[in-house]
Amino acid sequence: MVGRREVLRAVTVAGLAGVAGCNGDGSGSATTTTIGDTMPGFELTTSAFDDGGTVPTKYTCSGADVSPPLSIEGVPDEAAALALVVDDPDAPGGVFTHWLLWNVPTDATSIPEGVPATETVDDLGGAKQGTNDFGGIGYRGPCPPESHDAHTYRFKLFALDAELDVEPGAEAGAVNDAIETRRIATARLTAEFDRS
């Protein structure tokens, strides 16, 4: 009998075959696809803003540029680790990655405000951080061109069936590819920010 995890992985792989290469002009990061992987009760929320609302200036390049506090609920029992990707699909050159965080323990109920810009986060069980599209480690907040309308920012939390075998400091392509092979569920939070 085929298990749920195998079915989800097969659907993900099949879906990826149809979207490979749809990545703008190549100057942004690869888009993370989501294919029927929501799971009731698995949620990502924040006390800093409403889902679909506006990211407060504090968490952007116009403010302190620190990561917002995040709360995690309903991690699937079969998950072995969590990963977080924050990106901007409205960036001029394609999807722009603001934060890569992976191998967060499944018993974590929150990701605190102001996660340090280090490759390894001791306070999150040794979770790893990657290189964002600004060229730095860790979180960099929303920073759309001032001439643009509001951009949408996606906070995507992935439940994984195993830890990612990716070195700290990795870029979005490597992290997203690894997530696609291990993802069993996704929780999402979105918000907008406008610098004009």
C-alpha atoms as a PDB file:
ATOM      1  CA  MET A   1       0.000   0.000   0.000  1.00  0.00           C
ATOM      2  CA  VAL A   2       1.324   3.429  -0.923  1.00  0.00           C
ATOM      3  CA  GLY A   3       1.629   5.824   2.017  1.00  0.00           C
ATOM      4  CA  ARG A   4       0.463   9.439   2.095  1.00  0.00           C
ATOM      5  CA  ARG A   5       4.043  10.731   2.027  1.00  0.00           C
ATOM      6  CA  GLU A   6       4.851   8.804  -1.153  1.00  0.00           C
ATOM      7  CA  VAL A   7       1.684  10.056  -2.851  1.00  0.00           C
ATOM      8  CA  LEU A   8       2.486  13.673  -1.944  1.00  0.00           C
ATOM      9  CA  ARG A   9       6.049  13.311  -3.201  1.00  0.00           C
ATOM     10  CA  ALA A  10       4.857  11.780  -6.483  1.00  0.00           C
ATOM     11  CA  VAL A  11       2.356  14.596  -7.027  1.00  0.00           C
ATOM     12  CA  THR A  12       5.043  17.189  -6.251  1.00  0.00           C
ATOM     13  CA  VAL A  13       7.531  15.661  -8.680  1.00  0.00           C
ATOM     14  CA  ALA A  14       4.905  15.386 -11.408  1.00  0.00           C
ATOM     15  CA  GLY A  15       3.895  18.993 -10.888  1.00  0.00           C
ATOM     16  CA  LEU A  16       7.483  20.208 -11.000  1.00  0.00           C
ATOM     17  CA  ALA A  17       7.962  18.693 -14.431  1.00  0.00           C
ATOM     18  CA  GLY A  18       5.298  21.068 -15.729  1.00  0.00           C
ATOM     19  CA  VAL A  19       6.687  24.247 -14.165  1.00  0.00           C
ATOM     20  CA  ALA A  20      10.443  23.839 -14.521  1.00  0.00           C
ATOM     21  CA  GLY A  21      12.124  26.934 -15.874  1.00  0.00           C
ATOM     22  CA  CYS A  22       9.298  29.412 -15.140  1.00  0.00           C
ATOM     23  CA  ASN A  23      11.550  31.771 -13.247  1.00  0.00           C
ATOM     24  CA  GLY A  24      11.448  35.194 -14.845  1.00  0.00           C
ATOM     25  CA  ASP A  25      14.685  36.393 -16.411  1.00  0.00           C
ATOM     26  CA  GLY A  26      16.917  34.383 -14.108  1.00  0.00           C
ATOM     27  CA  SER A  27      18.004  37.271 -11.887  1.00  0.00           C
ATOM     28  CA  GLY A  28      15.755  36.183  -9.004  1.00  0.00           C
ATOM     29  CA  SER A  29      15.512  32.892  -7.177  1.00  0.00           C
ATOM     30  CA  ALA A  30      13.635  29.822  -8.323  1.00  0.00           C
ATOM     31  CA  THR A  31       9.953  29.863  -7.487  1.00  0.00           C
ATOM     32  CA  THR A  32       8.833  27.381  -4.860  1.00  0.00           C
ATOM     33  CA  THR A  33       5.742  25.626  -6.182  1.00  0.00           C
ATOM     34  CA  THR A  34       2.981  24.360  -3.936  1.00  0.00           C
ATOM     35  CA  ILE A  35       0.861  21.472  -5.117  1.00  0.00           C
ATOM     36  CA  GLY A  36      -2.043  20.431  -2.903  1.00  0.00           C
ATOM     37  CA  ASP A  37       0.082  20.213   0.216  1.00  0.00           C
ATOM     38  CA  THR A  38      -1.924  22.201   2.745  1.00  0.00           C
ATOM     39  CA  MET A  39      -2.809  20.275   5.884  1.00  0.00           C
ATOM     40  CA  PRO A  40      -5.626  21.288   8.228  1.00  0.00           C
ATOM     41  CA  GLY A  41      -4.299  22.726  11.475  1.00  0.00           C
ATOM     42  CA  PHE A  42      -0.756  23.381  10.215  1.00  0.00           C
ATOM     43  CA  GLU A  43      -0.504  27.156  10.542  1.00  0.00           C
ATOM     44  CA  LEU A  44       1.990  29.999  10.486  1.00  0.00           C
ATOM     45  CA  THR A  45       0.892  33.269  12.112  1.00  0.00           C
ATOM     46  CA  THR A  46       2.429  36.429  13.528  1.00  0.00           C
ATOM     47  CA  SER A  47       1.436  38.953  16.163  1.00  0.00           C
ATOM     48  CA  ALA A  48       3.111  41.675  14.065  1.00  0.00           C
ATOM     49  CA  PHE A  49       0.552  41.873  11.235  1.00  0.00           C
ATOM     50  CA  ASP A  50      -2.592  40.253   9.858  1.00  0.00           C
ATOM     51  CA  ASP A  51      -2.458  37.697   7.081  1.00  0.00           C
ATOM     52  CA  GLY A  52      -3.070  39.735   3.929  1.00  0.00           C
ATOM     53  CA  GLY A  53      -2.228  42.957   5.768  1.00  0.00           C
ATOM     54  CA  THR A  54       0.760  45.272   5.710  1.00  0.00           C
ATOM     55  CA  VAL A  55       4.241  44.475   7.022  1.00  0.00           C
ATOM     56  CA  PRO A  56       5.072  47.102   9.685  1.00  0.00           C
ATOM     57  CA  THR A  57       8.008  49.364   8.817  1.00  0.00           C
ATOM     58  CA  LYS A  58      10.058  47.884  11.690  1.00  0.00           C
ATOM     59  CA  TYR A  59      10.473  44.625   9.751  1.00  0.00           C
ATOM     60  CA  THR A  60      11.502  46.291   6.460  1.00  0.00           C
ATOM     61  CA  CYS A  61      14.505  48.086   4.960  1.00  0.00           C
ATOM     62  CA  SER A  62      12.804  51.358   5.891  1.00  0.00           C
ATOM     63  CA  GLY A  63      12.960  50.434   9.580  1.00  0.00           C
ATOM     64  CA  ALA A  64      15.041  48.178  11.845  1.00  0.00           C
ATOM     65  CA  ASP A  65      15.017  45.387   9.225  1.00  0.00           C
ATOM     66  CA  VAL A  66      14.597  42.635  11.833  1.00  0.00           C
ATOM     67  CA  SER A  67      12.623  39.430  11.305  1.00  0.00           C
ATOM     68  CA  PRO A  68       9.073  39.404  12.687  1.00  0.00           C
ATOM     69  CA  PRO A  69       7.963  37.020  15.445  1.00  0.00           C
ATOM     70  CA  LEU A  70       6.279  33.929  14.010  1.00  0.00           C
ATOM     71  CA  SER A  71       4.054  31.327  15.671  1.00  0.00           C
ATOM     72  CA  ILE A  72       3.777  27.696  14.538  1.00  0.00           C
ATOM     73  CA  GLU A  73       0.846  25.373  15.173  1.00  0.00           C
ATOM     74  CA  GLY A  74      -0.231  21.901  14.125  1.00  0.00           C
ATOM     75  CA  VAL A  75       3.065  20.494  12.852  1.00  0.00           C
ATOM     76  CA  PRO A  76       2.247  17.101  11.254  1.00  0.00           C
ATOM     77  CA  ASP A  77       3.251  14.105  13.375  1.00  0.00           C
ATOM     78  CA  GLU A  78       5.267  12.636  10.508  1.00  0.00           C
ATOM     79  CA  ALA A  79       7.411  15.770  10.124  1.00  0.00           C
ATOM     80  CA  ALA A  80      11.098  15.513  11.025  1.00  0.00           C
ATOM     81  CA  ALA A  81      12.063  19.189  10.518  1.00  0.00           C
ATOM     82  CA  LEU A  82      10.718  22.558   9.396  1.00  0.00           C
ATOM     83  CA  ALA A  83      11.940  25.073   6.817  1.00  0.00           C
ATOM     84  CA  LEU A  84      10.944  28.689   6.206  1.00  0.00           C
ATOM     85  CA  VAL A  85      11.231  30.662   2.974  1.00  0.00           C
ATOM     86  CA  VAL A  86      10.265  34.342   2.705  1.00  0.00           C
ATOM     87  CA  ASP A  87      10.129  35.797  -0.793  1.00  0.00           C
ATOM     88  CA  ASP A  88       8.722  38.512  -3.035  1.00  0.00           C
ATOM     89  CA  PRO A  89       7.078  37.255  -6.250  1.00  0.00           C
ATOM     90  CA  ASP A  90       6.545  40.840  -7.476  1.00  0.00           C
ATOM     91  CA  ALA A  91      10.238  41.742  -7.791  1.00  0.00           C
ATOM     92  CA  PRO A  92      11.226  43.123 -11.227  1.00  0.00           C
ATOM     93  CA  GLY A  93      13.718  40.335 -11.986  1.00  0.00           C
ATOM     94  CA  GLY A  94      11.610  37.405 -10.791  1.00  0.00           C
ATOM     95  CA  VAL A  95      11.030  35.930  -7.352  1.00  0.00           C
ATOM     96  CA  PHE A  96      13.367  37.586  -4.831  1.00  0.00           C
ATOM     97  CA  THR A  97      14.310  35.651  -1.676  1.00  0.00           C
ATOM     98  CA  HIS A  98      14.417  37.509   1.645  1.00  0.00           C
ATOM     99  CA  TRP A  99      15.002  34.645   4.095  1.00  0.00           C
ATOM    100  CA  LEU A 100      16.002  30.971   4.085  1.00  0.00           C
ATOM    101  CA  LEU A 101      15.827  29.059   7.372  1.00  0.00           C
ATOM    102  CA  TRP A 102      15.811  25.266   7.628  1.00  0.00           C
ATOM    103  CA  ASN A 103      16.174  22.292   9.960  1.00  0.00           C
ATOM    104  CA  VAL A 104      14.083  24.025  12.605  1.00  0.00           C
ATOM    105  CA  PRO A 105      13.018  21.381  15.176  1.00  0.00           C
ATOM    106  CA  THR A 106       9.421  20.194  14.869  1.00  0.00           C
ATOM    107  CA  ASP A 107       8.711  20.975  18.527  1.00  0.00           C
ATOM    108  CA  ALA A 108       9.344  24.682  17.909  1.00  0.00           C
ATOM    109  CA  THR A 109       6.177  26.684  18.544  1.00  0.00           C
ATOM    110  CA  SER A 110       7.695  29.990  17.513  1.00  0.00           C
ATOM    111  CA  ILE A 111      10.487  31.723  15.657  1.00  0.00           C
ATOM    112  CA  PRO A 112      11.424  34.773  17.717  1.00  0.00           C
ATOM    113  CA  GLU A 113      11.678  38.332  16.494  1.00  0.00           C
ATOM    114  CA  GLY A 114      15.117  39.434  15.379  1.00  0.00           C
ATOM    115  CA  VAL A 115      16.748  36.111  14.486  1.00  0.00           C
ATOM    116  CA  PRO A 116      20.486  36.871  14.247  1.00  0.00           C
ATOM    117  CA  ALA A 117      22.148  36.918  10.816  1.00  0.00           C
ATOM    118  CA  THR A 118      24.281  33.828  11.459  1.00  0.00           C
ATOM    119  CA  GLU A 119      24.616  30.623   9.450  1.00  0.00           C
ATOM    120  CA  THR A 120      23.552  28.536  12.464  1.00  0.00           C
ATOM    121  CA  VAL A 121      20.858  29.616  14.954  1.00  0.00           C
ATOM    122  CA  ASP A 122      21.588  28.009  18.314  1.00  0.00           C
ATOM    123  CA  ASP A 123      18.319  29.241  19.856  1.00  0.00           C
ATOM    124  CA  LEU A 124      16.416  27.273  17.190  1.00  0.00           C
ATOM    125  CA  GLY A 125      18.097  23.935  17.786  1.00  0.00           C
ATOM    126  CA  GLY A 126      20.989  24.642  15.423  1.00  0.00           C
ATOM    127  CA  ALA A 127      18.748  25.557  12.483  1.00  0.00           C
ATOM    128  CA  LYS A 128      20.593  26.737   9.370  1.00  0.00           C
ATOM    129  CA  GLN A 129      20.239  29.984   7.443  1.00  0.00           C
ATOM    130  CA  GLY A 130      21.034  30.646   3.822  1.00  0.00           C
ATOM    131  CA  THR A 131      22.102  33.535   1.640  1.00  0.00           C
ATOM    132  CA  ASN A 132      19.265  35.867   0.674  1.00  0.00           C
ATOM    133  CA  ASP A 133      19.097  37.652  -2.678  1.00  0.00           C
ATOM    134  CA  PHE A 134      20.669  40.765  -1.136  1.00  0.00           C
ATOM    135  CA  GLY A 135      23.791  38.608  -0.762  1.00  0.00           C
ATOM    136  CA  GLY A 136      23.708  38.302   3.044  1.00  0.00           C
ATOM    137  CA  ILE A 137      22.922  35.578   5.566  1.00  0.00           C
ATOM    138  CA  GLY A 138      19.546  35.452   7.271  1.00  0.00           C
ATOM    139  CA  TYR A 139      16.582  37.803   7.094  1.00  0.00           C
ATOM    140  CA  ARG A 140      16.388  41.003   5.085  1.00  0.00           C
ATOM    141  CA  GLY A 141      13.007  42.640   5.065  1.00  0.00           C
ATOM    142  CA  PRO A 142      10.720  43.969   2.349  1.00  0.00           C
ATOM    143  CA  CYS A 143      12.401  46.644   0.246  1.00  0.00           C
ATOM    144  CA  PRO A 144      10.531  47.171  -3.031  1.00  0.00           C
ATOM    145  CA  PRO A 145      11.658  49.891  -5.437  1.00  0.00           C
ATOM    146  CA  GLU A 146      10.165  53.221  -4.376  1.00  0.00           C
ATOM    147  CA  SER A 147       8.651  53.641  -7.838  1.00  0.00           C
ATOM    148  CA  HIS A 148       6.607  50.425  -7.481  1.00  0.00           C
ATOM    149  CA  ASP A 149       3.202  49.775  -6.028  1.00  0.00           C
ATOM    150  CA  ALA A 150       3.016  47.477  -3.002  1.00  0.00           C
ATOM    151  CA  HIS A 151       4.742  44.111  -3.319  1.00  0.00           C
ATOM    152  CA  THR A 152       3.416  40.908  -1.749  1.00  0.00           C
ATOM    153  CA  TYR A 153       5.676  39.005   0.655  1.00  0.00           C
ATOM    154  CA  ARG A 154       5.151  35.280   1.182  1.00  0.00           C
ATOM    155  CA  PHE A 155       6.156  33.572   4.418  1.00  0.00           C
ATOM    156  CA  LYS A 156       6.081  29.835   3.646  1.00  0.00           C
ATOM    157  CA  LEU A 157       6.649  27.238   6.351  1.00  0.00           C
ATOM    158  CA  PHE A 158       7.338  23.693   5.165  1.00  0.00           C
ATOM    159  CA  ALA A 159       6.987  20.484   7.165  1.00  0.00           C
ATOM    160  CA  LEU A 160       9.678  18.081   5.956  1.00  0.00           C
ATOM    161  CA  ASP A 161       9.991  14.304   6.203  1.00  0.00           C
ATOM    162  CA  ALA A 162      13.736  14.630   6.967  1.00  0.00           C
ATOM    163  CA  GLU A 163      16.259  17.347   7.704  1.00  0.00           C
ATOM    164  CA  LEU A 164      17.688  19.056   4.632  1.00  0.00           C
ATOM    165  CA  ASP A 165      21.201  17.992   3.685  1.00  0.00           C
ATOM    166  CA  VAL A 166      22.168  21.514   2.677  1.00  0.00           C
ATOM    167  CA  GLU A 167      25.168  23.445   3.970  1.00  0.00           C
ATOM    168  CA  PRO A 168      24.501  26.679   5.887  1.00  0.00           C
ATOM    169  CA  GLY A 169      24.914  29.741   3.702  1.00  0.00           C
ATOM    170  CA  ALA A 170      23.356  28.016   0.669  1.00  0.00           C
ATOM    171  CA  GLU A 171      21.407  30.072  -1.847  1.00  0.00           C
ATOM    172  CA  ALA A 172      17.719  29.801  -2.668  1.00  0.00           C
ATOM    173  CA  GLY A 173      18.029  27.389  -5.591  1.00  0.00           C
ATOM    174  CA  ALA A 174      19.719  24.689  -3.525  1.00  0.00           C
ATOM    175  CA  VAL A 175      17.412  25.164  -0.535  1.00  0.00           C
ATOM    176  CA  ASN A 176      14.211  25.207  -2.609  1.00  0.00           C
ATOM    177  CA  ASP A 177      15.290  22.105  -4.540  1.00  0.00           C
ATOM    178  CA  ALA A 178      15.959  20.262  -1.275  1.00  0.00           C
ATOM    179  CA  ILE A 179      12.604  21.354   0.160  1.00  0.00           C
ATOM    180  CA  GLU A 180      10.784  20.003  -2.905  1.00  0.00           C
ATOM    181  CA  THR A 181      12.150  16.502  -2.254  1.00  0.00           C
ATOM    182  CA  ARG A 182      11.202  16.515   1.447  1.00  0.00           C
ATOM    183  CA  ARG A 183       8.038  18.622   1.757  1.00  0.00           C
ATOM    184  CA  ILE A 184       4.934  17.010   3.204  1.00  0.00           C
ATOM    185  CA  ALA A 185       2.901  20.134   4.075  1.00  0.00           C
ATOM    186  CA  THR A 186       3.030  23.911   3.727  1.00  0.00           C
ATOM    187  CA  ALA A 187       1.620  26.728   5.860  1.00  0.00           C
ATOM    188  CA  ARG A 188       1.483  30.237   4.377  1.00  0.00           C
ATOM    189  CA  LEU A 189       1.270  33.830   5.543  1.00  0.00           C
ATOM    190  CA  THR A 190       1.281  36.830   3.200  1.00  0.00           C
ATOM    191  CA  ALA A 191       1.492  40.598   3.607  1.00  0.00           C
ATOM    192  CA  GLU A 192       2.277  43.674   1.539  1.00  0.00           C
ATOM    193  CA  PHE A 193       4.681  46.572   1.774  1.00  0.00           C
ATOM    194  CA  ASP A 194       4.969  49.777  -0.269  1.00  0.00           C
ATOM    195  CA  ARG A 195       7.864  52.271  -0.033  1.00  0.00           C
ATOM    196  CA  SER A 196       6.363  54.923  -2.341  1.00  0.00           C
END
